[in-house]
Amino acid sequence: MPSITVQVFEHTTVRVGEPLRTSTGGEHALGAAEHRALASFADGTADRYLSCGRRTVRFGSYVGVLQLGDLSLEILPKADRSEAGGHGRWHRALVHMLRVVGDLGLESQDEAQLRLDPGRLFDLFIQHFLDECERLVHQGLAKGYRTEEGNRTAFRGRLLVAEHARRNAVNAARFYVASPVYDHRNLPNLALHEALRLLDVLPISAGARARARGIRHAFPELPAWRPDMAALERVRLTRNTTRYRAALKLARLILFQLAPDVRSGRAPFLALLFDMNALWERYVAALARRLRLPGVEVRTQDSRAFWRLGGKARPLRPDITLRHPDRESPLVVIDTKWKLPAGGHPSSADIKQMFCYHELFDCQTSLLLYPAPKGATRLGDTGRYVGRDHRCVPVFLGLDGEPASDLAGVLTQAIPAGADNLKTIK
């Protein structure tokens, strides 16, 4: 485990030598070597996650953990920029959202333990990945058919005529064939094996590293695999490989959210980062799905074409729509915003965006869902579009207490009691 965990907030700038708060309440100053490692990471990722000046580091909208050797840098969300401190509360909010969304496998972890030990976020993630791999090994890794080409003395499979003629024009004793092979060399196994191999160079605990080596040695002999996101995205899990789903999700984070230095075998550096705007959207959608409101389907991929140029149309896609099976139009359109609007009222841009949703989706009620970092969930002032029977309601969802119960109350007011009777927030 890292010896020091430093906590900073999204959208803040820190300077080399500036004392930063640690998870234990002490202080640690960012050193020149750590600044160079962060600058290298920023350059390798085109400043997507953070940017570095001569002696400064500016964090963006990504939250999570950056680990540099024995230093763990925890980037926390913070909707209320004017609030001083609050590291523990914002850490709990981040862990809660990740638990609900399910990316890190924290659903089964004890929440009190997570609240008391912020530095364990990486360790819990790695341990959950190892648990999943160990389970698959005990169940027996999946086998499958693949095609293997070769110049063989026995004819088996399909003769590749052109290649056979080129190689064996004067050698009638050999056949260049493509034959089926049934073994463990399939993409899910290769991805897990490569992720386990990478754990050897990541700054994790000695116990986790030893455990990863033991699991990797339990795999059959497999060739090295160059991580390929497009290939993994194309994998279609079968009845035999559905049990790989959780392990592959975690392996993707290890394989594709690493700093370039790790993949080239240089300094140990691990980045486990999440776009806070996307995390907030997925968190609200996951909460809504958990409610299982009768007769209501939660969708996140609804889209309508709103602009056409030549034969190409541009779609408009709201974050979340609530639908009833008997209605063509959505019951409610929801757009999530990870920010606090000035004065507690939606901006002109937000209101115009919701107007487009109303017009395209023929929906009477929409919700602009913001975080409420302090206090309970509350509704803002309901507005009405002039000349239209559309209502847009700002909702401020509390991060303390019971967000799921609060959201249930809001949606119960916003969705119809029946397919033809729309009951809206007044």
Protein backbone atom coordinates (compact mmCIF):
# COMPACT_ATOMS: atom_id res chain seq x y z
CA MET A 1 0.00 0.00 0.00
CA PRO A 2 1.15 3.57 -0.62
CA SER A 3 2.57 5.22 2.46
CA ILE A 4 0.98 8.63 1.74
CA THR A 5 -2.44 9.53 0.34
CA VAL A 6 -2.87 13.19 -0.63
CA GLN A 7 -6.37 14.57 -1.28
CA VAL A 8 -7.12 17.38 -3.74
CA PHE A 9 -10.28 18.56 -5.47
CA GLU A 10 -11.21 18.63 -9.14
CA HIS A 11 -10.69 21.94 -11.00
CA THR A 12 -8.01 23.12 -8.56
CA THR A 13 -4.39 24.15 -9.07
CA VAL A 14 -1.58 23.06 -6.75
CA ARG A 15 2.03 24.26 -6.71
CA VAL A 16 5.25 22.40 -6.14
CA GLY A 17 6.16 22.79 -2.47
CA GLU A 18 2.61 23.71 -1.45
CA PRO A 19 1.44 21.74 1.63
CA LEU A 20 -1.47 19.45 0.70
CA ARG A 21 -3.85 17.61 3.00
CA THR A 22 -3.30 13.88 3.49
CA SER A 23 -6.00 11.33 4.28
CA THR A 24 -4.71 11.10 7.86
CA GLY A 25 -5.06 14.84 8.41
CA GLY A 26 -1.36 15.66 7.99
CA GLU A 27 0.40 17.54 5.19
CA HIS A 28 2.58 16.60 2.23
CA ALA A 29 4.15 18.93 -0.33
CA LEU A 30 4.31 17.95 -3.99
CA GLY A 31 7.97 17.47 -4.93
CA ALA A 32 9.84 18.22 -8.16
CA ALA A 33 10.13 14.50 -9.10
CA GLU A 34 6.38 14.01 -8.59
CA HIS A 35 5.70 17.11 -10.69
CA ARG A 36 7.84 15.68 -13.51
CA ALA A 37 5.93 12.39 -13.38
CA LEU A 38 2.60 14.23 -13.56
CA ALA A 39 3.87 16.41 -16.42
CA SER A 40 4.93 13.29 -18.34
CA PHE A 41 1.47 11.80 -17.76
CA ALA A 42 -0.20 15.04 -18.92
CA ASP A 43 1.93 15.12 -22.10
CA GLY A 44 1.21 11.47 -22.86
CA THR A 45 -2.55 11.99 -22.51
CA ALA A 46 -2.73 15.37 -24.32
CA ASP A 47 -3.74 17.18 -21.08
CA ARG A 48 -7.00 15.24 -21.00
CA TYR A 49 -6.94 14.58 -17.25
CA LEU A 50 -4.71 17.35 -15.94
CA SER A 51 -2.27 19.97 -17.21
CA CYS A 52 1.07 21.10 -15.84
CA GLY A 53 2.77 24.47 -15.80
CA ARG A 54 6.35 25.21 -14.83
CA ARG A 55 5.71 24.50 -11.14
CA THR A 56 1.97 23.91 -11.08
CA VAL A 57 -0.55 21.12 -11.65
CA ARG A 58 -4.09 21.96 -12.77
CA PHE A 59 -6.69 19.22 -12.32
CA GLY A 60 -9.69 19.00 -14.65
CA SER A 61 -13.08 17.30 -14.42
CA TYR A 62 -11.67 13.79 -13.82
CA VAL A 63 -11.78 12.28 -10.33
CA GLY A 64 -10.24 9.12 -8.90
CA VAL A 65 -6.68 8.16 -7.99
CA LEU A 66 -3.23 8.78 -9.43
CA GLN A 67 -0.52 6.64 -7.88
CA LEU A 68 3.15 7.62 -8.19
CA GLY A 69 5.37 5.13 -6.42
CA ASP A 70 4.56 5.46 -2.72
CA LEU A 71 2.38 8.54 -3.22
CA SER A 72 -1.33 8.14 -3.88
CA LEU A 73 -3.04 11.30 -5.16
CA GLU A 74 -6.80 11.16 -4.63
CA ILE A 75 -8.76 13.65 -6.76
CA LEU A 76 -12.16 14.27 -5.19
CA PRO A 77 -15.32 15.72 -6.73
CA LYS A 78 -16.58 19.03 -5.40
CA ALA A 79 -19.73 20.68 -6.70
CA ASP A 80 -19.64 23.58 -4.23
CA ARG A 81 -16.49 25.53 -5.09
CA SER A 82 -17.05 28.00 -2.24
CA GLU A 83 -16.98 25.32 0.46
CA ALA A 84 -13.80 25.13 2.54
CA GLY A 85 -12.52 21.65 3.37
CA GLY A 86 -15.03 18.81 3.37
CA HIS A 87 -12.50 16.22 2.14
CA GLY A 88 -14.07 13.38 4.11
CA ARG A 89 -17.60 14.13 2.92
CA TRP A 90 -16.58 14.42 -0.73
CA HIS A 91 -14.56 11.21 -0.45
CA ARG A 92 -17.66 9.44 0.84
CA ALA A 93 -19.71 10.91 -2.01
CA LEU A 94 -17.22 9.63 -4.60
CA VAL A 95 -17.10 6.13 -3.09
CA HIS A 96 -20.89 6.02 -2.88
CA MET A 97 -21.29 6.97 -6.54
CA LEU A 98 -18.71 4.39 -7.64
CA ARG A 99 -20.46 1.75 -5.55
CA VAL A 100 -23.83 2.51 -7.15
CA VAL A 101 -22.41 2.61 -10.70
CA GLY A 102 -20.42 -0.56 -10.01
CA ASP A 103 -17.18 0.10 -11.94
CA LEU A 104 -14.83 -0.84 -9.13
CA GLY A 105 -16.61 -3.83 -7.68
CA LEU A 106 -17.22 -1.98 -4.41
CA GLU A 107 -20.83 -3.10 -4.08
CA SER A 108 -20.01 -5.87 -1.60
CA GLN A 109 -17.51 -3.87 0.45
CA ASP A 110 -18.32 -2.60 3.91
CA GLU A 111 -19.23 1.08 3.49
CA ALA A 112 -18.03 2.04 6.98
CA GLN A 113 -14.60 0.62 6.15
CA LEU A 114 -14.46 2.60 2.91
CA ARG A 115 -15.37 5.81 4.72
CA LEU A 116 -12.63 5.40 7.28
CA ASP A 117 -9.80 4.45 4.92
CA PRO A 118 -9.70 6.58 1.73
CA GLY A 119 -6.31 5.23 0.67
CA ARG A 120 -7.76 1.75 0.15
CA LEU A 121 -9.61 2.61 -3.09
CA PHE A 122 -6.85 1.20 -5.31
CA ASP A 123 -6.31 -1.83 -3.11
CA LEU A 124 -10.01 -2.69 -3.09
CA PHE A 125 -10.14 -2.44 -6.87
CA ILE A 126 -7.11 -4.69 -7.36
CA GLN A 127 -8.33 -7.22 -4.79
CA HIS A 128 -11.73 -7.42 -6.47
CA PHE A 129 -10.10 -8.02 -9.86
CA LEU A 130 -7.97 -10.80 -8.35
CA ASP A 131 -11.05 -12.31 -6.71
CA GLU A 132 -12.78 -12.46 -10.09
CA CYS A 133 -9.75 -14.03 -11.81
CA GLU A 134 -9.37 -16.57 -9.03
CA ARG A 135 -13.03 -17.53 -9.31
CA LEU A 136 -12.67 -18.11 -13.06
CA VAL A 137 -9.56 -20.27 -12.55
CA HIS A 138 -11.39 -22.41 -9.98
CA GLN A 139 -14.39 -22.79 -12.29
CA GLY A 140 -12.12 -23.66 -15.20
CA LEU A 141 -11.06 -21.15 -17.85
CA ALA A 142 -13.13 -21.15 -21.00
CA LYS A 143 -11.92 -22.95 -24.09
CA GLY A 144 -12.90 -22.21 -27.66
CA TYR A 145 -12.20 -22.98 -31.28
CA ARG A 146 -9.76 -20.91 -33.31
CA THR A 147 -8.12 -21.40 -36.70
CA GLU A 148 -4.40 -22.07 -36.92
CA GLU A 149 -2.42 -22.10 -40.18
CA GLY A 150 0.70 -24.16 -40.77
CA ASN A 151 2.78 -26.24 -43.17
CA ARG A 152 2.22 -29.77 -41.89
CA THR A 153 3.07 -33.33 -42.83
CA ALA A 154 -0.49 -34.48 -42.11
CA PHE A 155 -3.49 -33.16 -43.99
CA ARG A 156 -5.98 -31.83 -41.46
CA GLY A 157 -8.45 -29.02 -41.95
CA ARG A 158 -8.73 -26.87 -45.06
CA LEU A 159 -6.03 -26.65 -47.76
CA LEU A 160 -4.97 -23.06 -48.50
CA VAL A 161 -4.28 -23.62 -52.17
CA ALA A 162 -2.31 -20.47 -53.09
CA GLU A 163 0.01 -20.63 -50.08
CA HIS A 164 0.37 -24.42 -50.45
CA ALA A 165 1.45 -24.02 -54.10
CA ARG A 166 3.96 -21.30 -53.17
CA ARG A 167 5.58 -23.25 -50.33
CA ASN A 168 5.29 -26.85 -51.50
CA ALA A 169 5.67 -26.83 -55.28
CA VAL A 170 8.53 -29.29 -55.00
CA ASN A 171 7.58 -30.90 -51.68
CA ALA A 172 4.63 -33.22 -51.97
CA ALA A 173 5.06 -34.46 -48.39
CA ARG A 174 3.71 -31.26 -46.81
CA PHE A 175 0.38 -29.46 -46.84
CA TYR A 176 -0.27 -25.82 -45.97
CA VAL A 177 -3.60 -26.02 -44.16
CA ALA A 178 -5.87 -24.05 -41.84
CA SER A 179 -7.14 -26.33 -39.10
CA PRO A 180 -9.38 -25.76 -36.08
CA VAL A 181 -7.76 -25.82 -32.64
CA TYR A 182 -9.70 -26.14 -29.36
CA ASP A 183 -7.77 -24.49 -26.53
CA HIS A 184 -7.61 -21.60 -24.02
CA ARG A 185 -6.12 -19.07 -26.46
CA ASN A 186 -9.14 -16.77 -26.72
CA LEU A 187 -9.40 -13.01 -26.25
CA PRO A 188 -10.98 -12.99 -22.75
CA ASN A 189 -8.21 -15.21 -21.38
CA LEU A 190 -5.49 -13.22 -23.15
CA ALA A 191 -6.85 -9.93 -21.74
CA LEU A 192 -6.99 -11.22 -18.17
CA HIS A 193 -3.53 -12.79 -18.46
CA GLU A 194 -2.05 -9.50 -19.73
CA ALA A 195 -3.75 -7.49 -16.96
CA LEU A 196 -2.33 -9.90 -14.35
CA ARG A 197 1.12 -9.49 -15.93
CA LEU A 198 0.87 -5.70 -15.73
CA LEU A 199 0.20 -5.89 -11.99
CA ASP A 200 3.85 -6.94 -11.63
CA VAL A 201 4.99 -3.38 -12.44
CA LEU A 202 2.22 -1.42 -10.72
CA PRO A 203 2.72 0.18 -7.29
CA ILE A 204 0.45 -2.20 -5.36
CA SER A 205 1.02 -4.06 -2.10
CA ALA A 206 3.49 -6.95 -2.04
CA GLY A 207 0.69 -9.32 -1.02
CA ALA A 208 -1.50 -8.32 -3.98
CA ARG A 209 1.48 -8.64 -6.37
CA ALA A 210 2.30 -12.13 -5.08
CA ARG A 211 -1.32 -13.18 -5.36
CA ALA A 212 -1.50 -11.90 -8.96
CA ARG A 213 1.61 -13.92 -9.87
CA GLY A 214 0.09 -17.05 -8.37
CA ILE A 215 -3.13 -16.64 -10.34
CA ARG A 216 -1.21 -15.94 -13.57
CA HIS A 217 0.85 -19.12 -13.11
CA ALA A 218 -2.44 -21.04 -12.79
CA PHE A 219 -3.31 -19.95 -16.34
CA PRO A 220 -2.25 -22.25 -19.20
CA GLU A 221 0.70 -21.07 -21.27
CA LEU A 222 -0.48 -18.14 -23.37
CA PRO A 223 1.38 -15.85 -25.78
CA ALA A 224 1.95 -12.15 -25.07
CA TRP A 225 -0.99 -9.98 -26.15
CA ARG A 226 -0.81 -6.33 -27.12
CA PRO A 227 -3.82 -4.59 -25.53
CA ASP A 228 -6.34 -3.69 -28.21
CA MET A 229 -9.43 -1.77 -27.04
CA ALA A 230 -11.25 -2.18 -30.39
CA ALA A 231 -10.78 -5.96 -30.29
CA LEU A 232 -12.10 -6.14 -26.71
CA GLU A 233 -15.10 -4.01 -27.60
CA ARG A 234 -15.96 -6.46 -30.39
CA VAL A 235 -15.96 -9.47 -28.06
CA ARG A 236 -19.41 -11.01 -27.74
CA LEU A 237 -19.72 -13.03 -24.56
CA THR A 238 -21.29 -16.45 -25.04
CA ARG A 239 -23.01 -18.75 -22.59
CA ASN A 240 -19.58 -20.12 -21.76
CA THR A 241 -17.94 -16.72 -21.20
CA THR A 242 -20.73 -14.61 -19.65
CA ARG A 243 -19.10 -15.27 -16.27
CA TYR A 244 -16.10 -13.22 -17.50
CA ARG A 245 -18.10 -9.97 -17.67
CA ALA A 246 -17.06 -8.45 -14.31
CA ALA A 247 -13.41 -9.51 -14.65
CA LEU A 248 -13.15 -8.06 -18.17
CA LYS A 249 -14.64 -4.74 -17.06
CA LEU A 250 -11.97 -4.44 -14.38
CA ALA A 251 -9.22 -5.67 -16.75
CA ARG A 252 -10.10 -2.87 -19.19
CA LEU A 253 -9.38 -0.30 -16.48
CA ILE A 254 -5.97 -1.88 -15.83
CA LEU A 255 -5.09 -2.26 -19.51
CA PHE A 256 -6.32 1.06 -20.89
CA GLN A 257 -6.28 3.61 -18.05
CA LEU A 258 -2.59 3.23 -17.30
CA ALA A 259 -0.08 6.00 -17.81
CA PRO A 260 2.23 5.52 -20.85
CA ASP A 261 5.24 5.09 -18.50
CA VAL A 262 3.78 1.85 -17.16
CA ARG A 263 3.19 0.30 -20.56
CA SER A 264 6.76 1.11 -21.63
CA GLY A 265 8.15 -0.48 -18.48
CA ARG A 266 9.51 2.70 -16.86
CA ALA A 267 8.37 4.46 -13.70
CA PRO A 268 5.44 2.83 -11.83
CA PHE A 269 2.42 5.08 -12.34
CA LEU A 270 -1.23 4.09 -12.24
CA ALA A 271 -4.19 6.28 -13.18
CA LEU A 272 -7.73 5.23 -12.28
CA LEU A 273 -9.78 8.26 -13.31
CA PHE A 274 -13.42 8.94 -14.14
CA ASP A 275 -15.03 11.86 -15.93
CA MET A 276 -17.12 13.41 -13.17
CA ASN A 277 -19.83 14.60 -15.55
CA ALA A 278 -20.25 11.10 -17.00
CA LEU A 279 -20.07 9.51 -13.53
CA TRP A 280 -22.84 11.78 -12.25
CA GLU A 281 -25.03 10.88 -15.25
CA ARG A 282 -24.44 7.15 -14.80
CA TYR A 283 -25.00 7.43 -11.04
CA VAL A 284 -28.42 9.07 -11.47
CA ALA A 285 -29.40 6.51 -14.15
CA ALA A 286 -28.32 3.63 -11.90
CA LEU A 287 -30.34 5.05 -8.99
CA ALA A 288 -33.40 5.41 -11.24
CA ARG A 289 -33.08 1.81 -12.46
CA ARG A 290 -32.79 0.53 -8.89
CA LEU A 291 -36.14 2.10 -8.02
CA ARG A 292 -37.99 -0.26 -10.40
CA LEU A 293 -40.94 2.09 -10.68
CA PRO A 294 -43.96 0.16 -12.01
CA GLY A 295 -44.57 0.61 -15.73
CA VAL A 296 -41.49 2.81 -16.17
CA GLU A 297 -38.42 1.97 -18.27
CA VAL A 298 -35.19 3.93 -17.75
CA ARG A 299 -33.21 4.55 -20.95
CA THR A 300 -29.89 6.28 -21.55
CA GLN A 301 -29.55 5.86 -25.33
CA ASP A 302 -32.66 7.60 -26.69
CA SER A 303 -31.84 9.89 -29.59
CA ARG A 304 -33.62 11.87 -32.29
CA ALA A 305 -32.25 13.52 -35.41
CA PHE A 306 -32.48 17.31 -35.15
CA TRP A 307 -30.24 18.58 -38.00
CA ARG A 308 -29.72 17.21 -41.47
CA LEU A 309 -27.14 18.32 -44.00
CA GLY A 310 -27.20 16.40 -47.25
CA GLY A 311 -27.72 12.76 -46.33
CA LYS A 312 -26.17 13.04 -42.90
CA ALA A 313 -28.25 13.68 -39.77
CA ARG A 314 -27.02 14.84 -36.37
CA PRO A 315 -28.75 13.29 -33.35
CA LEU A 316 -29.68 14.88 -30.04
CA ARG A 317 -29.47 12.53 -27.07
CA PRO A 318 -30.70 13.41 -23.57
CA ASP A 319 -28.93 11.83 -20.61
CA ILE A 320 -31.91 9.86 -19.32
CA THR A 321 -35.48 9.27 -20.48
CA LEU A 322 -38.28 7.58 -18.56
CA ARG A 323 -40.67 5.68 -20.82
CA HIS A 324 -43.95 3.80 -20.56
CA PRO A 325 -44.46 0.82 -22.91
CA ASP A 326 -47.80 2.21 -24.09
CA ARG A 327 -46.50 5.68 -24.99
CA GLU A 328 -44.42 6.65 -28.00
CA SER A 329 -43.08 9.80 -26.33
CA PRO A 330 -41.05 9.76 -23.10
CA LEU A 331 -42.84 10.47 -19.84
CA VAL A 332 -39.93 12.53 -18.52
CA VAL A 333 -36.63 13.72 -19.98
CA ILE A 334 -33.74 14.18 -17.52
CA ASP A 335 -30.47 15.98 -18.10
CA THR A 336 -27.79 15.76 -15.40
CA LYS A 337 -25.41 18.63 -14.64
CA TRP A 338 -22.46 18.25 -12.28
CA LYS A 339 -22.38 21.90 -11.22
CA LEU A 340 -24.25 24.38 -9.07
CA PRO A 341 -26.06 26.97 -11.22
CA ALA A 342 -25.48 30.60 -10.35
CA GLY A 343 -28.15 31.88 -7.98
CA GLY A 344 -29.77 28.44 -7.90
CA HIS A 345 -31.41 28.96 -11.30
CA PRO A 346 -30.63 27.11 -14.57
CA SER A 347 -28.52 28.98 -17.07
CA SER A 348 -29.94 30.19 -20.38
CA ALA A 349 -27.95 27.48 -22.22
CA ASP A 350 -29.42 24.73 -20.00
CA ILE A 351 -32.96 25.98 -20.53
CA LYS A 352 -32.50 26.16 -24.31
CA GLN A 353 -31.09 22.63 -24.34
CA MET A 354 -34.16 21.31 -22.50
CA PHE A 355 -36.45 23.18 -24.90
CA CYS A 356 -34.91 21.20 -27.78
CA TYR A 357 -35.60 17.97 -25.93
CA HIS A 358 -39.22 18.97 -25.36
CA GLU A 359 -39.73 19.79 -29.03
CA LEU A 360 -38.00 16.71 -30.44
CA PHE A 361 -39.33 14.14 -27.98
CA ASP A 362 -42.82 15.66 -27.51
CA CYS A 363 -42.39 15.50 -23.77
CA GLN A 364 -44.30 17.68 -21.33
CA THR A 365 -42.00 17.48 -18.29
CA SER A 366 -38.23 17.67 -18.04
CA LEU A 367 -35.86 17.68 -15.08
CA LEU A 368 -32.52 19.45 -14.83
CA LEU A 369 -30.80 17.41 -12.14
CA TYR A 370 -27.99 19.12 -10.20
CA PRO A 371 -26.14 17.97 -7.06
CA ALA A 372 -27.10 19.44 -3.69
CA PRO A 373 -23.84 19.20 -1.74
CA LYS A 374 -25.38 20.54 1.46
CA GLY A 375 -28.75 19.62 2.89
CA ALA A 376 -31.56 17.47 1.57
CA THR A 377 -32.93 17.08 -1.91
CA ARG A 378 -35.06 20.00 -3.02
CA LEU A 379 -36.92 21.27 -6.06
CA GLY A 380 -36.11 24.58 -7.67
CA ASP A 381 -38.68 26.94 -9.17
CA THR A 382 -40.63 25.31 -12.01
CA GLY A 383 -40.45 27.28 -15.24
CA ARG A 384 -42.75 27.20 -18.26
CA TYR A 385 -41.80 27.87 -21.88
CA VAL A 386 -43.81 30.72 -23.37
CA GLY A 387 -46.34 29.51 -25.94
CA ARG A 388 -45.72 25.84 -25.07
CA ASP A 389 -47.17 23.42 -22.57
CA HIS A 390 -43.68 22.43 -21.43
CA ARG A 391 -42.36 22.52 -17.85
CA CYS A 392 -38.73 22.33 -16.83
CA VAL A 393 -38.03 21.61 -13.16
CA PRO A 394 -34.61 22.09 -11.56
CA VAL A 395 -33.91 19.31 -9.03
CA PHE A 396 -31.06 19.43 -6.51
CA LEU A 397 -30.28 15.86 -5.42
CA GLY A 398 -28.78 15.54 -1.96
CA LEU A 399 -25.55 13.56 -1.65
CA ASP A 400 -26.02 12.84 2.06
CA GLY A 401 -28.89 10.87 3.54
CA GLU A 402 -30.86 8.63 1.16
CA PRO A 403 -30.43 9.82 -2.46
CA ALA A 404 -32.35 6.83 -3.87
CA SER A 405 -35.38 7.51 -1.67
CA ASP A 406 -35.20 11.23 -2.49
CA LEU A 407 -35.04 10.52 -6.23
CA ALA A 408 -37.99 8.14 -5.92
CA GLY A 409 -40.05 10.95 -4.42
CA VAL A 410 -39.07 13.36 -7.21
CA LEU A 411 -39.80 10.91 -10.03
CA THR A 412 -43.09 9.82 -8.49
CA GLN A 413 -44.26 13.42 -8.76
CA ALA A 414 -42.91 13.84 -12.30
CA ILE A 415 -44.11 10.67 -14.05
CA PRO A 416 -47.75 9.97 -14.94
CA ALA A 417 -50.06 7.84 -12.84
CA GLY A 418 -51.22 6.20 -16.09
CA ALA A 419 -50.23 6.13 -19.74
CA ASP A 420 -52.68 8.88 -20.68
CA ASN A 421 -52.66 10.99 -17.54
CA LEU A 422 -49.53 13.02 -17.11
CA LYS A 423 -49.04 14.23 -13.56
CA THR A 424 -46.37 16.90 -13.35
CA ILE A 425 -44.64 18.81 -10.62
CA LYS A 426 -46.48 22.04 -9.89
